[in-house]
N, C-alpha and C. Protein backbone atom coordinates (compact mmCIF):
# COMPACT_ATOMS: atom_id res chain seq x y z
N MET A 1 134.20 95.51 98.92
CA MET A 1 133.56 94.21 98.74
C MET A 1 132.49 94.33 97.67
N LYS A 2 132.42 93.42 96.80
CA LYS A 2 131.47 93.44 95.71
C LYS A 2 130.06 93.18 96.20
N LYS A 3 129.09 93.99 95.71
CA LYS A 3 127.70 93.76 96.04
C LYS A 3 127.18 92.57 95.27
N GLN A 4 126.26 91.82 95.90
CA GLN A 4 125.71 90.66 95.25
C GLN A 4 124.20 90.63 95.39
N ALA A 5 123.53 90.17 94.33
CA ALA A 5 122.09 89.93 94.40
C ALA A 5 121.92 88.48 94.83
N VAL A 6 121.64 88.28 96.12
CA VAL A 6 121.63 86.93 96.67
C VAL A 6 120.26 86.63 97.25
N LYS A 7 119.60 85.61 96.77
CA LYS A 7 118.27 85.27 97.24
C LYS A 7 118.23 84.87 98.71
N PRO A 8 119.22 84.14 99.28
CA PRO A 8 119.15 83.74 100.68
C PRO A 8 119.06 84.87 101.69
N ILE A 9 119.40 86.11 101.31
CA ILE A 9 119.32 87.21 102.26
C ILE A 9 117.94 87.83 102.32
N ALA A 10 117.00 87.29 101.56
CA ALA A 10 115.68 87.90 101.49
C ALA A 10 115.02 88.02 102.85
N LYS A 11 115.11 86.97 103.68
CA LYS A 11 114.47 87.02 104.99
C LYS A 11 115.10 88.10 105.87
N ARG A 12 116.40 88.22 105.83
CA ARG A 12 117.06 89.23 106.62
C ARG A 12 116.65 90.62 106.15
N ALA A 13 116.50 90.80 104.84
CA ALA A 13 116.09 92.08 104.31
C ALA A 13 114.72 92.46 104.83
N LEU A 14 113.81 91.53 104.88
CA LEU A 14 112.47 91.85 105.37
C LEU A 14 112.48 92.18 106.85
N LEU A 15 113.24 91.44 107.62
CA LEU A 15 113.24 91.66 109.06
C LEU A 15 113.78 93.04 109.43
N THR A 16 114.63 93.60 108.59
CA THR A 16 115.14 94.94 108.86
C THR A 16 114.27 96.01 108.21
N VAL A 17 114.07 95.93 106.91
CA VAL A 17 113.23 96.91 106.25
C VAL A 17 111.80 96.79 106.74
N GLY A 18 111.41 95.59 107.16
CA GLY A 18 110.03 95.35 107.57
C GLY A 18 109.59 96.15 108.76
N VAL A 19 110.50 96.75 109.52
CA VAL A 19 110.09 97.59 110.64
C VAL A 19 109.22 98.75 110.16
N LEU A 20 109.33 99.10 108.88
CA LEU A 20 108.49 100.16 108.34
C LEU A 20 107.02 99.81 108.41
N ALA A 21 106.71 98.53 108.38
CA ALA A 21 105.31 98.12 108.43
C ALA A 21 104.70 98.33 109.79
N ALA A 22 105.50 98.71 110.77
CA ALA A 22 104.96 98.97 112.11
C ALA A 22 104.27 100.32 112.21
N LEU A 23 104.33 101.13 111.16
CA LEU A 23 103.69 102.43 111.20
C LEU A 23 102.23 102.31 111.60
N MET A 24 101.83 103.19 112.50
CA MET A 24 100.47 103.32 112.98
C MET A 24 99.99 102.14 113.83
N THR A 25 100.88 101.26 114.21
CA THR A 25 100.45 100.14 115.04
C THR A 25 100.79 100.35 116.50
N GLY A 26 101.73 101.24 116.80
CA GLY A 26 102.11 101.50 118.19
C GLY A 26 103.04 100.45 118.76
N VAL A 27 103.51 99.53 117.93
CA VAL A 27 104.46 98.53 118.39
C VAL A 27 105.55 98.39 117.35
N THR A 28 106.67 97.80 117.74
CA THR A 28 107.72 97.54 116.78
C THR A 28 107.37 96.31 115.98
N PHE A 29 108.03 96.15 114.86
CA PHE A 29 107.76 95.02 113.99
C PHE A 29 108.42 93.77 114.57
N ALA A 30 107.62 92.80 114.94
CA ALA A 30 108.14 91.59 115.58
C ALA A 30 108.23 90.45 114.58
N ALA A 31 109.08 89.52 114.85
CA ALA A 31 109.22 88.34 114.00
C ALA A 31 108.08 87.40 114.33
N ASP A 32 106.93 87.59 113.65
CA ASP A 32 105.73 86.84 113.99
C ASP A 32 105.39 85.80 112.92
N GLY A 33 106.40 85.17 112.37
CA GLY A 33 106.18 84.13 111.38
C GLY A 33 107.21 84.23 110.27
N PRO A 34 107.14 83.31 109.30
CA PRO A 34 108.08 83.33 108.19
C PRO A 34 108.03 84.66 107.44
N ALA A 35 109.21 85.15 107.05
CA ALA A 35 109.30 86.43 106.36
C ALA A 35 109.62 86.20 104.89
N GLU A 36 109.09 87.09 104.05
CA GLU A 36 109.33 86.98 102.62
C GLU A 36 109.65 88.35 102.05
N LEU A 37 110.57 88.38 101.10
CA LEU A 37 110.88 89.59 100.34
C LEU A 37 110.93 89.21 98.88
N ASP A 38 110.08 89.82 98.10
CA ASP A 38 110.07 89.61 96.65
C ASP A 38 110.39 90.92 95.97
N ALA A 39 111.30 90.89 95.00
CA ALA A 39 111.66 92.06 94.23
C ALA A 39 112.38 91.60 92.98
N ASP A 40 112.45 92.47 91.99
CA ASP A 40 113.16 92.11 90.77
C ASP A 40 114.64 91.90 91.05
N THR A 41 115.23 92.73 91.91
CA THR A 41 116.62 92.57 92.31
C THR A 41 116.80 92.89 93.78
N VAL A 42 117.69 92.16 94.46
CA VAL A 42 118.04 92.41 95.85
C VAL A 42 119.56 92.38 95.96
N GLU A 43 120.12 93.41 96.59
CA GLU A 43 121.57 93.48 96.77
C GLU A 43 121.88 93.74 98.24
N TYR A 44 122.98 93.14 98.72
CA TYR A 44 123.39 93.33 100.10
C TYR A 44 124.90 93.52 100.15
N ASP A 45 125.33 94.67 100.66
CA ASP A 45 126.74 94.97 100.84
C ASP A 45 127.08 94.70 102.30
N MET A 46 127.76 93.61 102.59
CA MET A 46 128.07 93.23 103.96
C MET A 46 129.03 94.21 104.62
N ASN A 47 129.86 94.89 103.84
CA ASN A 47 130.82 95.82 104.40
C ASN A 47 130.13 97.07 104.95
N SER A 48 129.19 97.62 104.18
CA SER A 48 128.50 98.85 104.60
C SER A 48 127.21 98.57 105.36
N GLY A 49 126.71 97.35 105.24
CA GLY A 49 125.43 97.00 105.87
C GLY A 49 124.22 97.45 105.06
N GLN A 50 124.44 97.87 103.81
CA GLN A 50 123.36 98.41 102.99
C GLN A 50 122.63 97.31 102.23
N ILE A 51 121.31 97.30 102.37
CA ILE A 51 120.45 96.38 101.63
C ILE A 51 119.60 97.21 100.69
N THR A 52 119.52 96.81 99.42
CA THR A 52 118.66 97.50 98.47
C THR A 52 117.82 96.48 97.71
N ALA A 53 116.58 96.84 97.45
CA ALA A 53 115.69 96.01 96.64
C ALA A 53 115.01 96.93 95.66
N SER A 54 114.86 96.48 94.43
CA SER A 54 114.24 97.34 93.42
C SER A 54 113.34 96.53 92.50
N GLY A 55 112.29 97.19 92.05
CA GLY A 55 111.36 96.58 91.12
C GLY A 55 110.31 95.72 91.80
N ASN A 56 109.09 96.22 91.87
CA ASN A 56 107.96 95.44 92.42
C ASN A 56 108.29 94.83 93.79
N VAL A 57 108.73 95.67 94.70
CA VAL A 57 109.13 95.20 96.03
C VAL A 57 107.88 94.86 96.86
N LEU A 58 107.90 93.69 97.45
CA LEU A 58 106.82 93.27 98.35
C LEU A 58 107.44 92.56 99.53
N MET A 59 107.20 93.11 100.74
CA MET A 59 107.71 92.53 101.97
C MET A 59 106.53 92.07 102.81
N LYS A 60 106.59 90.83 103.31
CA LYS A 60 105.48 90.26 104.07
C LYS A 60 106.00 89.51 105.29
N GLN A 61 105.27 89.66 106.37
CA GLN A 61 105.50 88.83 107.55
C GLN A 61 104.26 88.89 108.42
N GLY A 62 103.67 87.76 108.71
CA GLY A 62 102.43 87.74 109.48
C GLY A 62 101.36 88.56 108.79
N THR A 63 100.76 89.50 109.54
CA THR A 63 99.72 90.36 108.98
C THR A 63 100.28 91.64 108.37
N SER A 64 101.61 91.77 108.29
CA SER A 64 102.25 92.98 107.80
C SER A 64 102.67 92.84 106.35
N ARG A 65 102.44 93.92 105.60
CA ARG A 65 102.84 93.98 104.20
C ARG A 65 103.33 95.39 103.88
N VAL A 66 104.43 95.48 103.16
CA VAL A 66 104.89 96.76 102.64
C VAL A 66 105.22 96.56 101.18
N ALA A 67 104.62 97.35 100.32
CA ALA A 67 104.86 97.25 98.89
C ALA A 67 105.34 98.59 98.36
N GLY A 68 106.21 98.57 97.37
CA GLY A 68 106.71 99.78 96.74
C GLY A 68 107.56 99.40 95.54
N GLN A 69 108.13 100.39 94.91
CA GLN A 69 108.97 100.11 93.75
C GLN A 69 110.44 99.91 94.14
N ASN A 70 110.88 100.56 95.21
CA ASN A 70 112.26 100.46 95.65
C ASN A 70 112.34 100.51 97.17
N ALA A 71 113.33 99.82 97.74
CA ALA A 71 113.52 99.84 99.18
C ALA A 71 115.01 99.80 99.50
N ALA A 72 115.39 100.47 100.58
CA ALA A 72 116.78 100.46 101.03
C ALA A 72 116.80 100.52 102.55
N TYR A 73 117.75 99.79 103.15
CA TYR A 73 117.88 99.79 104.60
C TYR A 73 119.33 99.55 104.96
N ASN A 74 119.81 100.26 105.98
CA ASN A 74 121.17 100.07 106.44
C ASN A 74 121.15 99.43 107.82
N THR A 75 121.71 98.25 107.93
CA THR A 75 121.68 97.51 109.19
C THR A 75 122.53 98.16 110.27
N LYS A 76 123.46 99.01 109.89
CA LYS A 76 124.35 99.64 110.86
C LYS A 76 123.78 100.96 111.40
N THR A 77 123.11 101.73 110.53
CA THR A 77 122.58 103.02 110.96
C THR A 77 121.12 102.94 111.39
N GLY A 78 120.42 101.89 111.00
CA GLY A 78 119.01 101.76 111.34
C GLY A 78 118.11 102.67 110.53
N GLN A 79 118.62 103.18 109.39
CA GLN A 79 117.84 104.06 108.54
C GLN A 79 117.42 103.33 107.27
N GLY A 80 116.19 103.57 106.85
CA GLY A 80 115.70 102.90 105.66
C GLY A 80 114.61 103.69 104.98
N THR A 81 114.37 103.37 103.69
CA THR A 81 113.38 104.08 102.90
C THR A 81 112.72 103.12 101.91
N VAL A 82 111.42 103.28 101.72
CA VAL A 82 110.69 102.61 100.65
C VAL A 82 110.06 103.71 99.80
N THR A 83 110.18 103.61 98.48
CA THR A 83 109.67 104.65 97.59
C THR A 83 108.84 104.05 96.46
N GLY A 84 107.98 104.90 95.91
CA GLY A 84 107.22 104.52 94.73
C GLY A 84 105.90 103.83 95.03
N HIS A 85 104.82 104.60 95.09
CA HIS A 85 103.47 104.05 95.32
C HIS A 85 103.47 103.09 96.52
N VAL A 86 103.92 103.58 97.65
CA VAL A 86 104.09 102.74 98.83
C VAL A 86 102.73 102.41 99.46
N ILE A 87 102.55 101.15 99.83
CA ILE A 87 101.39 100.69 100.57
C ILE A 87 101.91 99.92 101.78
N ALA A 88 101.53 100.35 102.99
CA ALA A 88 101.94 99.67 104.22
C ALA A 88 100.69 99.22 104.96
N GLU A 89 100.67 97.97 105.36
CA GLU A 89 99.52 97.42 106.07
C GLU A 89 99.97 96.55 107.23
N ARG A 90 99.22 96.62 108.32
CA ARG A 90 99.39 95.68 109.43
C ARG A 90 98.11 95.68 110.25
N GLY A 91 97.48 94.53 110.37
CA GLY A 91 96.22 94.46 111.08
C GLY A 91 95.20 95.39 110.45
N ASP A 92 94.62 96.31 111.25
CA ASP A 92 93.61 97.22 110.73
C ASP A 92 94.22 98.55 110.28
N MET A 93 95.56 98.63 110.21
CA MET A 93 96.22 99.83 109.73
C MET A 93 96.52 99.71 108.24
N ARG A 94 96.27 100.80 107.52
CA ARG A 94 96.66 100.86 106.11
C ARG A 94 97.09 102.28 105.79
N MET A 95 98.22 102.43 105.10
CA MET A 95 98.71 103.74 104.74
C MET A 95 99.31 103.71 103.35
N THR A 96 99.06 104.76 102.58
CA THR A 96 99.67 104.92 101.27
C THR A 96 100.43 106.24 101.22
N CYS A 97 101.53 106.26 100.48
CA CYS A 97 102.32 107.48 100.34
C CYS A 97 103.31 107.29 99.22
N SER A 98 104.08 108.33 98.92
CA SER A 98 105.11 108.22 97.90
C SER A 98 106.43 107.69 98.47
N THR A 99 106.75 108.13 99.69
CA THR A 99 108.01 107.74 100.33
C THR A 99 107.78 107.46 101.80
N LEU A 100 108.35 106.37 102.28
CA LEU A 100 108.24 105.98 103.69
C LEU A 100 109.65 105.79 104.23
N THR A 101 109.98 106.49 105.32
CA THR A 101 111.35 106.47 105.85
C THR A 101 111.33 106.14 107.33
N VAL A 102 112.29 105.31 107.77
CA VAL A 102 112.48 105.06 109.19
C VAL A 102 113.81 105.68 109.58
N ASP A 103 113.79 106.45 110.67
CA ASP A 103 114.99 107.14 111.14
C ASP A 103 115.19 106.78 112.59
N GLY A 104 115.89 105.70 112.84
CA GLY A 104 116.05 105.22 114.20
C GLY A 104 114.93 104.26 114.54
N SER A 105 114.83 103.91 115.82
CA SER A 105 113.90 102.87 116.24
C SER A 105 112.49 103.36 116.50
N ASP A 106 112.28 104.68 116.60
CA ASP A 106 110.95 105.15 116.99
C ASP A 106 110.58 106.45 116.28
N HIS A 107 110.94 106.56 115.02
CA HIS A 107 110.62 107.77 114.26
C HIS A 107 110.45 107.38 112.80
N TYR A 108 109.23 107.60 112.28
CA TYR A 108 108.93 107.27 110.90
C TYR A 108 108.38 108.49 110.20
N ILE A 109 108.70 108.63 108.92
CA ILE A 109 108.25 109.77 108.13
C ILE A 109 107.64 109.27 106.84
N ALA A 110 106.39 109.65 106.58
CA ALA A 110 105.72 109.36 105.32
C ALA A 110 105.49 110.68 104.60
N SER A 111 105.76 110.71 103.30
CA SER A 111 105.58 111.95 102.56
C SER A 111 105.02 111.67 101.17
N GLY A 112 104.38 112.68 100.62
CA GLY A 112 103.82 112.56 99.29
C GLY A 112 102.42 111.98 99.29
N GLU A 113 101.41 112.85 99.36
CA GLU A 113 100.00 112.43 99.33
C GLU A 113 99.74 111.28 100.30
N VAL A 114 100.06 111.54 101.56
CA VAL A 114 99.91 110.51 102.59
C VAL A 114 98.43 110.34 102.94
N SER A 115 98.00 109.11 103.00
CA SER A 115 96.63 108.79 103.41
C SER A 115 96.68 107.52 104.24
N GLY A 116 96.04 107.53 105.40
CA GLY A 116 96.09 106.36 106.26
C GLY A 116 94.83 106.19 107.07
N SER A 117 94.65 104.99 107.59
CA SER A 117 93.49 104.72 108.42
C SER A 117 93.84 103.64 109.42
N ARG A 118 93.18 103.73 110.57
CA ARG A 118 93.30 102.71 111.61
C ARG A 118 92.03 102.73 112.45
N GLY A 119 91.29 101.67 112.43
CA GLY A 119 90.02 101.65 113.12
C GLY A 119 89.10 102.71 112.55
N ASP A 120 88.50 103.54 113.42
CA ASP A 120 87.60 104.59 112.93
C ASP A 120 88.32 105.91 112.70
N GLN A 121 89.65 105.91 112.78
CA GLN A 121 90.42 107.12 112.57
C GLN A 121 91.13 107.07 111.22
N SER A 122 91.14 108.20 110.53
CA SER A 122 91.87 108.30 109.27
C SER A 122 92.57 109.65 109.22
N PHE A 123 93.55 109.77 108.36
CA PHE A 123 94.30 111.03 108.27
C PHE A 123 94.81 111.21 106.85
N SER A 124 95.08 112.44 106.48
CA SER A 124 95.68 112.75 105.19
C SER A 124 96.51 114.02 105.34
N ALA A 125 97.63 114.05 104.64
CA ALA A 125 98.54 115.19 104.72
C ALA A 125 99.62 115.02 103.66
N SER A 126 100.40 116.08 103.44
CA SER A 126 101.53 115.96 102.53
C SER A 126 102.71 115.27 103.21
N GLN A 127 102.77 115.36 104.56
CA GLN A 127 103.83 114.69 105.31
C GLN A 127 103.31 114.34 106.70
N VAL A 128 103.65 113.14 107.15
CA VAL A 128 103.25 112.68 108.47
C VAL A 128 104.46 112.08 109.17
N GLU A 129 104.73 112.52 110.40
CA GLU A 129 105.75 111.90 111.24
C GLU A 129 105.03 111.06 112.29
N TYR A 130 105.58 109.88 112.57
CA TYR A 130 104.92 108.98 113.51
C TYR A 130 105.93 108.40 114.48
N PHE A 131 105.53 108.36 115.78
CA PHE A 131 106.34 107.78 116.83
C PHE A 131 105.55 106.61 117.42
N PRO A 132 105.86 105.38 117.03
CA PRO A 132 105.04 104.21 117.38
C PRO A 132 104.79 104.01 118.86
N SER A 133 105.81 104.18 119.71
CA SER A 133 105.64 103.88 121.12
C SER A 133 104.61 104.78 121.79
N LYS A 134 104.40 105.98 121.22
CA LYS A 134 103.44 106.92 121.78
C LYS A 134 102.14 106.98 120.97
N GLN A 135 102.08 106.25 119.87
CA GLN A 135 100.95 106.34 118.94
C GLN A 135 100.68 107.81 118.59
N TYR A 136 101.75 108.52 118.33
CA TYR A 136 101.69 109.97 118.11
C TYR A 136 102.00 110.29 116.66
N VAL A 137 101.13 111.11 116.03
CA VAL A 137 101.36 111.57 114.67
C VAL A 137 101.50 113.08 114.67
N SER A 138 102.36 113.57 113.80
CA SER A 138 102.55 115.01 113.65
C SER A 138 102.48 115.35 112.17
N MET A 139 101.72 116.39 111.84
CA MET A 139 101.60 116.86 110.47
C MET A 139 102.08 118.31 110.44
N PRO A 140 103.38 118.53 110.30
CA PRO A 140 103.94 119.87 110.42
C PRO A 140 103.49 120.84 109.33
N SER A 141 103.05 120.30 108.20
CA SER A 141 102.61 121.17 107.10
C SER A 141 101.09 121.19 106.97
N GLY A 142 100.42 120.73 108.02
CA GLY A 142 98.97 120.74 108.01
C GLY A 142 98.39 119.43 107.50
N GLY A 143 97.11 119.22 107.82
CA GLY A 143 96.47 118.00 107.38
C GLY A 143 95.09 117.87 107.98
N THR A 144 94.55 116.66 107.87
CA THR A 144 93.20 116.36 108.35
C THR A 144 93.20 115.05 109.10
N ILE A 145 92.52 115.02 110.23
CA ILE A 145 92.25 113.78 110.96
C ILE A 145 90.73 113.64 111.06
N SER A 146 90.22 112.46 110.73
CA SER A 146 88.79 112.20 110.82
C SER A 146 88.56 110.99 111.71
N SER A 147 87.47 111.04 112.46
CA SER A 147 87.09 109.92 113.31
C SER A 147 85.58 109.93 113.48
N ALA A 148 85.06 109.04 114.31
CA ALA A 148 83.63 109.03 114.58
C ALA A 148 83.19 110.33 115.24
N GLU A 149 84.15 111.07 115.85
CA GLU A 149 83.84 112.34 116.51
C GLU A 149 83.63 113.47 115.52
N GLY A 150 84.28 113.39 114.34
CA GLY A 150 84.18 114.47 113.37
C GLY A 150 85.45 114.62 112.56
N THR A 151 85.65 115.81 112.01
CA THR A 151 86.81 116.10 111.16
C THR A 151 87.58 117.27 111.75
N PHE A 152 88.91 117.14 111.80
CA PHE A 152 89.79 118.12 112.43
C PHE A 152 90.85 118.55 111.41
N THR A 153 90.97 119.85 111.17
CA THR A 153 91.97 120.36 110.23
C THR A 153 92.69 121.54 110.85
N ALA A 154 93.93 121.75 110.42
CA ALA A 154 94.72 122.89 110.90
C ALA A 154 95.99 123.01 110.07
N ASP A 155 96.64 124.17 110.17
CA ASP A 155 97.91 124.37 109.45
C ASP A 155 99.00 123.47 109.99
N GLN A 156 98.94 123.18 111.29
CA GLN A 156 99.81 122.20 111.94
C GLN A 156 98.92 121.32 112.80
N LEU A 157 99.10 120.01 112.70
CA LEU A 157 98.17 119.11 113.38
C LEU A 157 98.95 117.99 114.06
N GLN A 158 98.52 117.67 115.29
CA GLN A 158 99.12 116.58 116.06
C GLN A 158 98.00 115.67 116.57
N GLY A 159 98.32 114.39 116.74
CA GLY A 159 97.32 113.48 117.26
C GLY A 159 97.92 112.36 118.08
N TRP A 160 97.33 112.12 119.25
CA TRP A 160 97.67 110.95 120.07
C TRP A 160 96.53 109.96 119.85
N LEU A 161 96.73 109.03 118.92
CA LEU A 161 95.63 108.23 118.40
C LEU A 161 95.00 107.34 119.45
N GLY A 162 95.79 106.81 120.37
CA GLY A 162 95.24 105.93 121.39
C GLY A 162 94.28 106.64 122.33
N GLU A 163 94.41 107.96 122.44
CA GLU A 163 93.59 108.75 123.35
C GLU A 163 92.56 109.62 122.62
N SER A 164 92.54 109.56 121.29
CA SER A 164 91.69 110.47 120.50
C SER A 164 91.90 111.91 120.94
N HIS A 165 93.16 112.27 121.11
CA HIS A 165 93.55 113.62 121.54
C HIS A 165 94.22 114.31 120.37
N TYR A 166 93.64 115.43 119.91
CA TYR A 166 94.16 116.13 118.75
C TYR A 166 94.42 117.59 119.09
N VAL A 167 95.52 118.13 118.56
CA VAL A 167 95.86 119.54 118.74
C VAL A 167 96.12 120.14 117.37
N GLY A 168 95.40 121.22 117.06
CA GLY A 168 95.59 121.91 115.79
C GLY A 168 95.96 123.36 116.02
N THR A 169 96.91 123.86 115.23
CA THR A 169 97.37 125.24 115.36
C THR A 169 97.35 125.92 114.00
N GLY A 170 96.74 127.10 113.94
CA GLY A 170 96.64 127.85 112.69
C GLY A 170 95.42 127.43 111.89
N ASN A 171 94.45 128.33 111.72
CA ASN A 171 93.22 128.00 111.00
C ASN A 171 92.61 126.70 111.50
N ALA A 172 92.59 126.55 112.80
CA ALA A 172 92.09 125.32 113.42
C ALA A 172 90.57 125.22 113.25
N HIS A 173 90.10 124.04 112.86
CA HIS A 173 88.69 123.88 112.50
C HIS A 173 88.20 122.50 112.92
N ILE A 174 87.06 122.46 113.58
CA ILE A 174 86.42 121.21 113.98
C ILE A 174 85.01 121.18 113.42
N VAL A 175 84.65 120.08 112.78
CA VAL A 175 83.28 119.86 112.33
C VAL A 175 82.84 118.51 112.90
N SER A 176 81.83 118.53 113.78
CA SER A 176 81.39 117.31 114.45
C SER A 176 79.87 117.15 114.30
N PRO A 177 79.42 116.47 113.23
CA PRO A 177 77.99 116.23 113.07
C PRO A 177 77.37 115.47 114.25
N PRO A 178 78.06 114.47 114.84
CA PRO A 178 77.45 113.77 115.98
C PRO A 178 77.18 114.70 117.17
N ARG A 179 78.02 115.73 117.33
CA ARG A 179 77.84 116.69 118.42
C ARG A 179 77.01 117.90 117.99
N ASP A 180 76.65 117.94 116.70
CA ASP A 180 75.90 119.06 116.15
C ASP A 180 76.63 120.37 116.44
N ILE A 181 77.95 120.36 116.17
CA ILE A 181 78.73 121.56 116.47
C ILE A 181 79.84 121.75 115.44
N GLU A 182 80.11 123.01 115.13
CA GLU A 182 81.25 123.41 114.31
C GLU A 182 81.97 124.50 115.06
N ALA A 183 83.29 124.43 115.11
CA ALA A 183 84.05 125.39 115.90
C ALA A 183 85.43 125.60 115.29
N GLY A 184 86.05 126.72 115.68
CA GLY A 184 87.38 126.99 115.17
C GLY A 184 88.06 128.10 115.94
N GLY A 185 89.26 128.42 115.51
CA GLY A 185 90.05 129.46 116.16
C GLY A 185 91.50 129.35 115.75
N ASP A 186 92.36 130.03 116.47
CA ASP A 186 93.79 129.93 116.19
C ASP A 186 94.33 128.56 116.59
N GLN A 187 93.71 127.96 117.62
CA GLN A 187 94.17 126.64 118.07
C GLN A 187 93.01 125.88 118.72
N PHE A 188 93.01 124.56 118.51
CA PHE A 188 92.10 123.72 119.29
C PHE A 188 92.89 122.63 119.99
N ASP A 189 92.38 122.22 121.14
CA ASP A 189 92.93 121.10 121.92
C ASP A 189 91.74 120.20 122.24
N TYR A 190 91.65 119.08 121.55
CA TYR A 190 90.45 118.24 121.60
C TYR A 190 90.75 116.92 122.31
N TYR A 191 89.93 116.61 123.29
CA TYR A 191 90.05 115.36 124.03
C TYR A 191 88.77 114.55 123.79
N GLY A 192 88.85 113.53 122.97
CA GLY A 192 87.66 112.76 122.62
C GLY A 192 87.38 111.61 123.56
N ALA A 193 88.39 111.14 124.27
CA ALA A 193 88.21 109.99 125.17
C ALA A 193 88.37 110.44 126.61
N GLY A 194 87.56 109.86 127.49
CA GLY A 194 87.70 110.16 128.92
C GLY A 194 87.19 111.54 129.28
N THR A 195 88.08 112.55 129.22
CA THR A 195 87.73 113.91 129.64
C THR A 195 86.58 114.46 128.81
N GLY A 196 86.63 114.30 127.50
CA GLY A 196 85.55 114.72 126.64
C GLY A 196 85.34 116.22 126.57
N LYS A 197 86.32 116.96 126.01
CA LYS A 197 86.15 118.40 125.86
C LYS A 197 87.05 118.91 124.75
N ALA A 198 86.71 120.10 124.26
CA ALA A 198 87.54 120.79 123.27
C ALA A 198 87.75 122.21 123.76
N VAL A 199 89.00 122.65 123.75
CA VAL A 199 89.34 124.01 124.15
C VAL A 199 89.86 124.75 122.93
N LEU A 200 89.20 125.85 122.57
CA LEU A 200 89.60 126.65 121.41
C LEU A 200 90.07 128.01 121.90
N THR A 201 91.20 128.48 121.40
CA THR A 201 91.77 129.75 121.84
C THR A 201 92.16 130.60 120.65
N GLY A 202 92.11 131.92 120.85
CA GLY A 202 92.49 132.86 119.81
C GLY A 202 91.43 133.00 118.73
N ASN A 203 90.66 134.07 118.76
CA ASN A 203 89.59 134.28 117.78
C ASN A 203 88.66 133.07 117.69
N ALA A 204 88.35 132.51 118.83
CA ALA A 204 87.56 131.28 118.89
C ALA A 204 86.09 131.54 118.59
N TRP A 205 85.46 130.57 117.97
CA TRP A 205 84.04 130.66 117.65
C TRP A 205 83.44 129.26 117.65
N ALA A 206 82.13 129.20 117.80
CA ALA A 206 81.44 127.92 117.77
C ALA A 206 80.00 128.12 117.34
N TYR A 207 79.50 127.19 116.54
CA TYR A 207 78.10 127.16 116.13
C TYR A 207 77.49 125.87 116.63
N GLN A 208 76.33 125.97 117.25
CA GLN A 208 75.57 124.78 117.63
C GLN A 208 74.09 125.10 117.46
N GLY A 209 73.48 124.38 116.53
CA GLY A 209 72.09 124.69 116.24
C GLY A 209 71.97 126.12 115.74
N ASN A 210 71.11 126.91 116.39
CA ASN A 210 70.94 128.32 116.02
C ASN A 210 71.80 129.25 116.86
N ASN A 211 72.66 128.69 117.67
CA ASN A 211 73.49 129.50 118.58
C ASN A 211 74.87 129.75 117.99
N THR A 212 75.34 130.97 118.15
CA THR A 212 76.68 131.36 117.69
C THR A 212 77.41 132.01 118.86
N MET A 213 78.65 131.61 119.07
CA MET A 213 79.45 132.15 120.17
C MET A 213 80.83 132.56 119.68
N HIS A 214 81.34 133.67 120.21
CA HIS A 214 82.67 134.17 119.88
C HIS A 214 83.38 134.53 121.18
N SER A 215 84.66 134.21 121.28
CA SER A 215 85.43 134.54 122.48
C SER A 215 86.91 134.32 122.18
N ASN A 216 87.75 134.83 123.06
CA ASN A 216 89.17 134.52 122.92
C ASN A 216 89.45 133.09 123.35
N ARG A 217 88.55 132.54 124.20
CA ARG A 217 88.72 131.17 124.66
C ARG A 217 87.33 130.53 124.85
N LEU A 218 87.13 129.40 124.21
CA LEU A 218 85.88 128.66 124.34
C LEU A 218 86.20 127.23 124.80
N THR A 219 85.45 126.74 125.76
CA THR A 219 85.60 125.35 126.19
C THR A 219 84.29 124.63 125.90
N ILE A 220 84.38 123.54 125.16
CA ILE A 220 83.21 122.76 124.78
C ILE A 220 83.28 121.43 125.51
N TYR A 221 82.29 121.15 126.34
CA TYR A 221 82.24 119.90 127.08
C TYR A 221 81.38 118.90 126.31
N LEU A 222 81.92 117.71 126.09
CA LEU A 222 81.27 116.70 125.27
C LEU A 222 80.52 115.73 126.17
N ALA A 223 79.21 115.73 126.07
CA ALA A 223 78.39 114.87 126.92
C ALA A 223 78.31 113.46 126.34
N SER A 224 78.09 112.49 127.20
CA SER A 224 78.01 111.10 126.76
C SER A 224 76.80 110.81 125.91
N ASP A 225 75.78 111.71 125.94
CA ASP A 225 74.58 111.51 125.13
C ASP A 225 74.73 112.06 123.71
N GLY A 226 75.97 112.48 123.39
CA GLY A 226 76.23 112.97 122.04
C GLY A 226 76.03 114.46 121.86
N GLN A 227 75.62 115.16 122.90
CA GLN A 227 75.42 116.60 122.82
C GLN A 227 76.69 117.31 123.33
N ALA A 228 76.64 118.63 123.30
CA ALA A 228 77.79 119.42 123.74
C ALA A 228 77.30 120.68 124.44
N ARG A 229 78.02 121.09 125.47
CA ARG A 229 77.77 122.35 126.14
C ARG A 229 78.95 123.27 125.89
N VAL A 230 78.69 124.51 125.60
CA VAL A 230 79.74 125.48 125.32
C VAL A 230 79.83 126.48 126.46
N GLN A 231 81.07 126.72 126.91
CA GLN A 231 81.29 127.68 128.01
C GLN A 231 82.29 128.73 127.54
């Protein structure tokens, strides 16, 4: 079947490719108003289910926007990609990267100088995987997460954003000016909400004020007054 650049399919293209704008929101992309897709060219192959848009691509619906140079989505496989100076926004979430990919209904991959923010949390890495239903991010090649609590870096980094729970493995490092503490080790497991503690294991160390501590395992309890106790 011959591919056609047809303007009437623009809304359908956004509703499918637009799921990419759900990154970092913890919800799927819902039809929350009129949808728009603007691009220099749009093609839809009804036989294969492949939609492609190229040249100054801009997808909008409600508070969601995804911009890039090229976009592709397959309605049958549920896989899609946006490339070229990608900017994704929804509500208070904003992310930039070189390539943004959706692989199924609950797995997104951003790569190429990824930088994002949501509320008081921000992150940067060469690659970020995100699972919306869990508000879970994974940085398999290392990265940085920053929040009001401080800055967290590691060779491999994971974060459950809704819980301010971060796990770093390999050259794990925490710098928290509000807690007046710096700590590190082979791994950290940080709970910023509720429990309020950080557990560091493997060549663990911590500095607080004039105090220095070293151990194979350090547990730092985060007090509500902004201070910290180290055990």
